[in-house]
């Protein structure tokens, strides 16, 4: 978080050449007093949403063909503005590129950032024997998930994320966001996802399960992480 950052607004994309990308967007509100308010919607609504998501994923989508980044850099070499843009985007990594077309995205860690809370970081992938409760937060506190990852071989375009939370089997929250495009670089990229607020009240306390997923605009999945966290009394 000490590096200079870029801001990415919801439903828009940007190309990151380093630093910390901070995601800001509106999300479904998480209630404060009861479990009904936590979800803000009933179970039937959530089941309809799940069915719609499944239908959307079964529409015969065909990913667009990829071009090796090395070949892309050879195009329009006479265009000075494009040349400068490519140099800024890739820097010294350009000489290390190969002819592979598929981008390779490796997530290194996940952590939580919250005022008054010691930052906790967990290396990825999570070990099989490791406790899946990755962090504990107090009720009514604001927090952000922080991730680090590397990109190799090609640019990742239209990277999106979704973070879905359940309690006792009931979906209580879901956030989605567009993160933008990320190019290969020597230092890992850092992401701070949108700020969230933990629910408040007796019924809000306890252990929650969650699934965090990252995909690009061609539906390639780069991370699907099941984890848990706990909310305790102030």
C-alpha atoms as a PDB file:
ATOM      1  CA  UNK A   1       0.000   0.000   0.000  1.00  0.00           C
ATOM      2  CA  UNK A   2       2.984   2.261  -0.012  1.00  0.00           C
ATOM      3  CA  UNK A   3       3.197   2.293  -3.790  1.00  0.00           C
ATOM      4  CA  UNK A   4       1.435   4.913  -5.888  1.00  0.00           C
ATOM      5  CA  UNK A   5      -2.010   3.651  -6.837  1.00  0.00           C
ATOM      6  CA  UNK A   6      -4.614   3.875  -9.521  1.00  0.00           C
ATOM      7  CA  UNK A   7      -8.328   4.053  -8.976  1.00  0.00           C
ATOM      8  CA  UNK A   8     -10.741   1.908 -10.943  1.00  0.00           C
ATOM      9  CA  UNK A   9     -14.368   2.969 -10.991  1.00  0.00           C
ATOM     10  CA  UNK A  10     -17.092   0.336 -11.137  1.00  0.00           C
ATOM     11  CA  UNK A  11     -18.076  -0.869 -14.604  1.00  0.00           C
ATOM     12  CA  UNK A  12     -15.032   0.763 -16.199  1.00  0.00           C
ATOM     13  CA  UNK A  13     -11.587  -0.580 -16.977  1.00  0.00           C
ATOM     14  CA  UNK A  14      -8.039   0.668 -16.965  1.00  0.00           C
ATOM     15  CA  UNK A  15      -4.644  -0.744 -17.760  1.00  0.00           C
ATOM     16  CA  UNK A  16      -2.396  -1.093 -14.743  1.00  0.00           C
ATOM     17  CA  UNK A  17       1.355  -0.794 -15.068  1.00  0.00           C
ATOM     18  CA  UNK A  18       2.116  -1.168 -11.392  1.00  0.00           C
ATOM     19  CA  UNK A  19       1.058   0.156  -8.029  1.00  0.00           C
ATOM     20  CA  UNK A  20      -2.061  -0.594  -6.043  1.00  0.00           C
ATOM     21  CA  UNK A  21      -5.396  -0.703  -7.820  1.00  0.00           C
ATOM     22  CA  UNK A  22      -8.252   0.385  -5.575  1.00  0.00           C
ATOM     23  CA  UNK A  23     -11.761  -0.672  -6.496  1.00  0.00           C
ATOM     24  CA  UNK A  24     -14.670   1.588  -5.633  1.00  0.00           C
ATOM     25  CA  UNK A  25     -18.257   0.647  -6.403  1.00  0.00           C
ATOM     26  CA  UNK A  26     -21.701   0.431  -4.934  1.00  0.00           C
ATOM     27  CA  UNK A  27     -22.614  -2.967  -3.555  1.00  0.00           C
ATOM     28  CA  UNK A  28     -25.664  -4.690  -2.201  1.00  0.00           C
ATOM     29  CA  UNK A  29     -26.145  -3.411   1.331  1.00  0.00           C
ATOM     30  CA  UNK A  30     -25.593  -5.853   4.158  1.00  0.00           C
ATOM     31  CA  UNK A  31     -28.163  -5.502   6.908  1.00  0.00           C
ATOM     32  CA  UNK A  32     -27.451  -4.692  10.501  1.00  0.00           C
ATOM     33  CA  UNK A  33     -30.005  -6.210  12.842  1.00  0.00           C
ATOM     34  CA  UNK A  34     -31.233  -9.594  11.607  1.00  0.00           C
ATOM     35  CA  UNK A  35     -30.304 -12.330   9.215  1.00  0.00           C
ATOM     36  CA  UNK A  36     -33.193 -11.320   6.973  1.00  0.00           C
ATOM     37  CA  UNK A  37     -31.646  -7.880   6.674  1.00  0.00           C
ATOM     38  CA  UNK A  38     -28.230  -9.388   5.999  1.00  0.00           C
ATOM     39  CA  UNK A  39     -29.387 -10.665   2.663  1.00  0.00           C
ATOM     40  CA  UNK A  40     -31.875  -7.919   1.928  1.00  0.00           C
ATOM     41  CA  UNK A  41     -33.688 -10.467  -0.295  1.00  0.00           C
ATOM     42  CA  UNK A  42     -35.456 -13.766   0.223  1.00  0.00           C
ATOM     43  CA  UNK A  43     -34.172 -17.202  -0.679  1.00  0.00           C
ATOM     44  CA  UNK A  44     -36.434 -17.510  -3.738  1.00  0.00           C
ATOM     45  CA  UNK A  45     -34.939 -14.345  -5.228  1.00  0.00           C
ATOM     46  CA  UNK A  46     -31.437 -15.715  -4.732  1.00  0.00           C
ATOM     47  CA  UNK A  47     -32.386 -19.011  -6.377  1.00  0.00           C
ATOM     48  CA  UNK A  48     -33.721 -17.113  -9.407  1.00  0.00           C
ATOM     49  CA  UNK A  49     -30.448 -15.186  -9.605  1.00  0.00           C
ATOM     50  CA  UNK A  50     -28.478 -18.427  -9.475  1.00  0.00           C
ATOM     51  CA  UNK A  51     -30.583 -19.891 -12.294  1.00  0.00           C
ATOM     52  CA  UNK A  52     -30.033 -16.774 -14.401  1.00  0.00           C
ATOM     53  CA  UNK A  53     -26.277 -16.995 -13.826  1.00  0.00           C
ATOM     54  CA  UNK A  54     -26.263 -20.618 -14.947  1.00  0.00           C
ATOM     55  CA  UNK A  55     -28.238 -19.764 -18.088  1.00  0.00           C
ATOM     56  CA  UNK A  56     -25.843 -16.933 -18.877  1.00  0.00           C
ATOM     57  CA  UNK A  57     -22.922 -19.334 -18.659  1.00  0.00           C
ATOM     58  CA  UNK A  58     -24.551 -21.838 -21.032  1.00  0.00           C
ATOM     59  CA  UNK A  59     -25.206 -19.543 -23.993  1.00  0.00           C
ATOM     60  CA  UNK A  60     -22.498 -21.019 -26.215  1.00  0.00           C
ATOM     61  CA  UNK A  61     -19.999 -18.230 -25.533  1.00  0.00           C
ATOM     62  CA  UNK A  62     -16.827 -18.581 -27.621  1.00  0.00           C
ATOM     63  CA  UNK A  63     -13.685 -16.724 -26.416  1.00  0.00           C
ATOM     64  CA  UNK A  64     -12.068 -14.383 -28.905  1.00  0.00           C
ATOM     65  CA  UNK A  65      -8.742 -15.553 -30.401  1.00  0.00           C
ATOM     66  CA  UNK A  66      -5.606 -14.433 -28.600  1.00  0.00           C
ATOM     67  CA  UNK A  67      -2.575 -12.892 -30.286  1.00  0.00           C
ATOM     68  CA  UNK A  68       0.873 -13.287 -28.684  1.00  0.00           C
ATOM     69  CA  UNK A  69       1.860 -10.069 -26.963  1.00  0.00           C
ATOM     70  CA  UNK A  70       5.202 -10.198 -28.754  1.00  0.00           C
ATOM     71  CA  UNK A  71       3.347 -10.037 -32.091  1.00  0.00           C
ATOM     72  CA  UNK A  72       1.142  -7.203 -30.870  1.00  0.00           C
ATOM     73  CA  UNK A  73       4.217  -5.161 -30.034  1.00  0.00           C
ATOM     74  CA  UNK A  74       5.516  -5.583 -33.583  1.00  0.00           C
ATOM     75  CA  UNK A  75       2.414  -3.928 -34.997  1.00  0.00           C
ATOM     76  CA  UNK A  76       2.293  -0.188 -35.663  1.00  0.00           C
ATOM     77  CA  UNK A  77       5.953   0.250 -34.767  1.00  0.00           C
ATOM     78  CA  UNK A  78       6.018   3.448 -36.822  1.00  0.00           C
ATOM     79  CA  UNK A  79       3.316   5.013 -34.651  1.00  0.00           C
ATOM     80  CA  UNK A  80       5.240   7.061 -32.090  1.00  0.00           C
ATOM     81  CA  UNK A  81       2.338   7.448 -29.665  1.00  0.00           C
ATOM     82  CA  UNK A  82       1.653   3.707 -29.666  1.00  0.00           C
ATOM     83  CA  UNK A  83       5.338   2.973 -29.178  1.00  0.00           C
ATOM     84  CA  UNK A  84       5.488   5.234 -26.106  1.00  0.00           C
ATOM     85  CA  UNK A  85       2.296   3.705 -24.737  1.00  0.00           C
ATOM     86  CA  UNK A  86       3.714   0.191 -25.094  1.00  0.00           C
ATOM     87  CA  UNK A  87       6.967   1.220 -23.421  1.00  0.00           C
ATOM     88  CA  UNK A  88       5.053   2.696 -20.502  1.00  0.00           C
ATOM     89  CA  UNK A  89       2.851  -0.387 -20.279  1.00  0.00           C
ATOM     90  CA  UNK A  90       5.591  -3.008 -20.306  1.00  0.00           C
ATOM     91  CA  UNK A  91       8.831  -1.222 -19.515  1.00  0.00           C
ATOM     92  CA  UNK A  92      11.803  -3.549 -19.296  1.00  0.00           C
ATOM     93  CA  UNK A  93       9.598  -6.664 -19.441  1.00  0.00           C
ATOM     94  CA  UNK A  94       9.280  -6.412 -23.227  1.00  0.00           C
ATOM     95  CA  UNK A  95      12.612  -8.141 -23.828  1.00  0.00           C
ATOM     96  CA  UNK A  96      11.490 -11.111 -21.710  1.00  0.00           C
ATOM     97  CA  UNK A  97       8.316 -11.864 -23.673  1.00  0.00           C
ATOM     98  CA  UNK A  98       7.883 -15.176 -25.463  1.00  0.00           C
ATOM     99  CA  UNK A  99       5.464 -16.259 -28.155  1.00  0.00           C
ATOM    100  CA  UNK A 100       2.840 -17.723 -25.835  1.00  0.00           C
ATOM    101  CA  UNK A 101      -0.700 -16.474 -26.324  1.00  0.00           C
ATOM    102  CA  UNK A 102      -2.455 -17.479 -23.102  1.00  0.00           C
ATOM    103  CA  UNK A 103      -1.945 -15.066 -20.203  1.00  0.00           C
ATOM    104  CA  UNK A 104      -0.790 -16.703 -16.989  1.00  0.00           C
ATOM    105  CA  UNK A 105      -2.140 -15.177 -13.786  1.00  0.00           C
ATOM    106  CA  UNK A 106      -0.792 -16.364 -10.444  1.00  0.00           C
ATOM    107  CA  UNK A 107      -2.309 -15.115  -7.195  1.00  0.00           C
ATOM    108  CA  UNK A 108       0.226 -14.927  -4.379  1.00  0.00           C
ATOM    109  CA  UNK A 109      -1.698 -13.765  -1.308  1.00  0.00           C
ATOM    110  CA  UNK A 110      -4.988 -12.578   0.135  1.00  0.00           C
ATOM    111  CA  UNK A 111      -5.310 -10.320   3.162  1.00  0.00           C
ATOM    112  CA  UNK A 112      -7.654  -7.939   4.899  1.00  0.00           C
ATOM    113  CA  UNK A 113      -7.103  -4.255   5.617  1.00  0.00           C
ATOM    114  CA  UNK A 114      -9.211  -2.656   8.348  1.00  0.00           C
ATOM    115  CA  UNK A 115      -8.712   0.335  10.630  1.00  0.00           C
ATOM    116  CA  UNK A 116      -7.759  -0.777  14.119  1.00  0.00           C
ATOM    117  CA  UNK A 117      -7.062  -4.289  12.857  1.00  0.00           C
ATOM    118  CA  UNK A 118      -3.636  -5.798  12.349  1.00  0.00           C
ATOM    119  CA  UNK A 119      -3.308  -6.531   8.639  1.00  0.00           C
ATOM    120  CA  UNK A 120      -3.439 -10.270   8.069  1.00  0.00           C
ATOM    121  CA  UNK A 121      -2.015 -11.938   4.970  1.00  0.00           C
ATOM    122  CA  UNK A 122      -2.461 -15.540   3.826  1.00  0.00           C
ATOM    123  CA  UNK A 123      -0.296 -17.068   1.111  1.00  0.00           C
ATOM    124  CA  UNK A 124      -2.052 -18.690  -1.832  1.00  0.00           C
ATOM    125  CA  UNK A 125      -2.896 -21.402  -2.510  1.00  0.00           C
ATOM    126  CA  UNK A 126      -4.234 -22.075   0.975  1.00  0.00           C
ATOM    127  CA  UNK A 127      -2.722 -25.237   2.440  1.00  0.00           C
ATOM    128  CA  UNK A 128      -5.132 -28.155   2.796  1.00  0.00           C
ATOM    129  CA  UNK A 129      -4.555 -28.427   6.544  1.00  0.00           C
ATOM    130  CA  UNK A 130      -4.766 -24.673   7.141  1.00  0.00           C
ATOM    131  CA  UNK A 131      -7.706 -23.165   8.999  1.00  0.00           C
ATOM    132  CA  UNK A 132     -10.136 -21.793   6.415  1.00  0.00           C
ATOM    133  CA  UNK A 133     -11.103 -18.929   8.765  1.00  0.00           C
ATOM    134  CA  UNK A 134      -8.629 -16.499   7.230  1.00  0.00           C
ATOM    135  CA  UNK A 135      -9.442 -13.459   9.351  1.00  0.00           C
ATOM    136  CA  UNK A 136     -11.634 -12.160  12.176  1.00  0.00           C
ATOM    137  CA  UNK A 137     -13.360  -8.758  12.198  1.00  0.00           C
ATOM    138  CA  UNK A 138     -15.474  -6.854  14.684  1.00  0.00           C
ATOM    139  CA  UNK A 139     -19.111  -6.146  13.922  1.00  0.00           C
ATOM    140  CA  UNK A 140     -19.795  -2.819  12.226  1.00  0.00           C
ATOM    141  CA  UNK A 141     -16.204  -2.399  11.007  1.00  0.00           C
ATOM    142  CA  UNK A 142     -15.054  -1.309   7.543  1.00  0.00           C
ATOM    143  CA  UNK A 143     -12.578  -3.476   5.665  1.00  0.00           C
ATOM    144  CA  UNK A 144     -11.067  -4.237   2.259  1.00  0.00           C
ATOM    145  CA  UNK A 145      -9.721  -7.448   0.801  1.00  0.00           C
ATOM    146  CA  UNK A 146      -6.184  -7.090  -0.532  1.00  0.00           C
ATOM    147  CA  UNK A 147      -4.646  -9.429  -3.109  1.00  0.00           C
ATOM    148  CA  UNK A 148      -1.317  -9.694  -4.902  1.00  0.00           C
ATOM    149  CA  UNK A 149      -0.869 -11.441  -8.241  1.00  0.00           C
ATOM    150  CA  UNK A 150       1.469 -11.704 -11.216  1.00  0.00           C
ATOM    151  CA  UNK A 151       0.735 -11.693 -14.947  1.00  0.00           C
ATOM    152  CA  UNK A 152       2.936 -13.428 -17.526  1.00  0.00           C
ATOM    153  CA  UNK A 153       3.033 -13.954 -21.303  1.00  0.00           C
ATOM    154  CA  UNK A 154       0.120 -11.709 -22.326  1.00  0.00           C
ATOM    155  CA  UNK A 155      -2.199  -8.900 -21.249  1.00  0.00           C
ATOM    156  CA  UNK A 156      -5.235  -9.893 -19.180  1.00  0.00           C
ATOM    157  CA  UNK A 157      -8.206  -7.863 -20.408  1.00  0.00           C
ATOM    158  CA  UNK A 158     -11.456  -7.159 -18.619  1.00  0.00           C
ATOM    159  CA  UNK A 159     -10.507  -8.802 -15.336  1.00  0.00           C
ATOM    160  CA  UNK A 160     -13.546  -9.016 -13.070  1.00  0.00           C
ATOM    161  CA  UNK A 161     -14.194 -10.383  -9.607  1.00  0.00           C
ATOM    162  CA  UNK A 162     -17.136 -11.644  -7.601  1.00  0.00           C
ATOM    163  CA  UNK A 163     -17.213 -12.236  -3.853  1.00  0.00           C
ATOM    164  CA  UNK A 164     -20.198 -14.160  -2.514  1.00  0.00           C
ATOM    165  CA  UNK A 165     -20.867 -14.618   1.206  1.00  0.00           C
ATOM    166  CA  UNK A 166     -23.093 -17.146   2.991  1.00  0.00           C
ATOM    167  CA  UNK A 167     -24.106 -17.711   6.588  1.00  0.00           C
ATOM    168  CA  UNK A 168     -25.617 -21.036   7.589  1.00  0.00           C
ATOM    169  CA  UNK A 169     -26.195 -21.838   3.924  1.00  0.00           C
ATOM    170  CA  UNK A 170     -28.063 -18.596   3.129  1.00  0.00           C
ATOM    171  CA  UNK A 171     -26.478 -16.154   0.702  1.00  0.00           C
ATOM    172  CA  UNK A 172     -26.279 -12.821   2.516  1.00  0.00           C
ATOM    173  CA  UNK A 173     -24.089 -10.699   0.254  1.00  0.00           C
ATOM    174  CA  UNK A 174     -22.515 -10.592  -3.190  1.00  0.00           C
ATOM    175  CA  UNK A 175     -20.191  -8.003  -4.693  1.00  0.00           C
ATOM    176  CA  UNK A 176     -18.992  -7.835  -8.287  1.00  0.00           C
ATOM    177  CA  UNK A 177     -16.588  -5.428  -9.940  1.00  0.00           C
ATOM    178  CA  UNK A 178     -14.629  -4.652 -13.093  1.00  0.00           C
ATOM    179  CA  UNK A 179     -10.905  -4.340 -12.425  1.00  0.00           C
ATOM    180  CA  UNK A 180      -9.596  -3.619 -15.925  1.00  0.00           C
ATOM    181  CA  UNK A 181      -6.580  -4.809 -17.915  1.00  0.00           C
ATOM    182  CA  UNK A 182      -3.225  -5.876 -16.492  1.00  0.00           C
ATOM    183  CA  UNK A 183       0.034  -6.343 -18.389  1.00  0.00           C
ATOM    184  CA  UNK A 184       3.037  -8.497 -17.520  1.00  0.00           C
ATOM    185  CA  UNK A 185       5.448  -6.743 -15.176  1.00  0.00           C
ATOM    186  CA  UNK A 186       8.285  -7.753 -12.878  1.00  0.00           C
ATOM    187  CA  UNK A 187       6.665  -6.651  -9.624  1.00  0.00           C
ATOM    188  CA  UNK A 188       3.363  -8.234  -8.557  1.00  0.00           C
ATOM    189  CA  UNK A 189       0.178  -6.253  -9.032  1.00  0.00           C
ATOM    190  CA  UNK A 190      -1.725  -5.299  -5.868  1.00  0.00           C
ATOM    191  CA  UNK A 191      -5.484  -4.985  -5.591  1.00  0.00           C
ATOM    192  CA  UNK A 192      -7.590  -3.404  -2.878  1.00  0.00           C
ATOM    193  CA  UNK A 193     -11.180  -4.459  -3.468  1.00  0.00           C
ATOM    194  CA  UNK A 194     -14.083  -2.193  -2.634  1.00  0.00           C
ATOM    195  CA  UNK A 195     -14.634  -1.234   0.984  1.00  0.00           C
ATOM    196  CA  UNK A 196     -17.259  -3.252   2.819  1.00  0.00           C
ATOM    197  CA  UNK A 197     -18.845  -2.973   6.256  1.00  0.00           C
ATOM    198  CA  UNK A 198     -19.487  -5.970   8.472  1.00  0.00           C
ATOM    199  CA  UNK A 199     -23.057  -6.313   9.767  1.00  0.00           C
ATOM    200  CA  UNK A 200     -23.959  -5.349  13.327  1.00  0.00           C
ATOM    201  CA  UNK A 201     -26.027  -7.122  15.928  1.00  0.00           C
ATOM    202  CA  UNK A 202     -26.294 -10.397  17.808  1.00  0.00           C
ATOM    203  CA  UNK A 203     -27.483 -12.364  14.789  1.00  0.00           C
ATOM    204  CA  UNK A 204     -24.677 -10.984  12.640  1.00  0.00           C
ATOM    205  CA  UNK A 205     -21.938 -12.541  14.750  1.00  0.00           C
ATOM    206  CA  UNK A 206     -20.437 -15.870  13.842  1.00  0.00           C
ATOM    207  CA  UNK A 207     -18.586 -17.582  11.020  1.00  0.00           C
ATOM    208  CA  UNK A 208     -19.312 -16.835   7.364  1.00  0.00           C
ATOM    209  CA  UNK A 209     -18.269 -18.828   4.311  1.00  0.00           C
ATOM    210  CA  UNK A 210     -17.335 -17.095   1.064  1.00  0.00           C
ATOM    211  CA  UNK A 211     -16.224 -17.718  -2.504  1.00  0.00           C
ATOM    212  CA  UNK A 212     -13.935 -15.273  -4.327  1.00  0.00           C
ATOM    213  CA  UNK A 213     -13.624 -15.635  -8.093  1.00  0.00           C
ATOM    214  CA  UNK A 214     -11.598 -13.805 -10.769  1.00  0.00           C
ATOM    215  CA  UNK A 215     -12.342 -14.072 -14.508  1.00  0.00           C
ATOM    216  CA  UNK A 216     -11.417 -12.134 -17.637  1.00  0.00           C
ATOM    217  CA  UNK A 217     -13.767 -10.946 -20.382  1.00  0.00           C
ATOM    218  CA  UNK A 218     -13.330 -14.275 -22.191  1.00  0.00           C
ATOM    219  CA  UNK A 219     -14.599 -16.182 -19.135  1.00  0.00           C
ATOM    220  CA  UNK A 220     -11.171 -17.580 -18.273  1.00  0.00           C
ATOM    221  CA  UNK A 221     -11.096 -18.248 -14.525  1.00  0.00           C
ATOM    222  CA  UNK A 222      -7.814 -17.411 -12.762  1.00  0.00           C
ATOM    223  CA  UNK A 223      -8.812 -17.914  -9.125  1.00  0.00           C
ATOM    224  CA  UNK A 224     -11.713 -19.559  -7.333  1.00  0.00           C
ATOM    225  CA  UNK A 225     -11.100 -19.438  -3.601  1.00  0.00           C
ATOM    226  CA  UNK A 226     -13.345 -20.842  -0.870  1.00  0.00           C
ATOM    227  CA  UNK A 227     -12.621 -19.249   2.496  1.00  0.00           C
ATOM    228  CA  UNK A 228     -14.248 -18.291   5.798  1.00  0.00           C
ATOM    229  CA  UNK A 229     -14.112 -15.345   8.165  1.00  0.00           C
ATOM    230  CA  UNK A 230     -15.568 -14.574  11.572  1.00  0.00           C
ATOM    231  CA  UNK A 231     -17.419 -11.548  12.935  1.00  0.00           C
ATOM    232  CA  UNK A 232     -17.148 -10.950  16.674  1.00  0.00           C
ATOM    233  CA  UNK A 233     -18.643  -8.544  19.187  1.00  0.00           C
ATOM    234  CA  UNK A 234     -16.980  -5.158  19.533  1.00  0.00           C
END
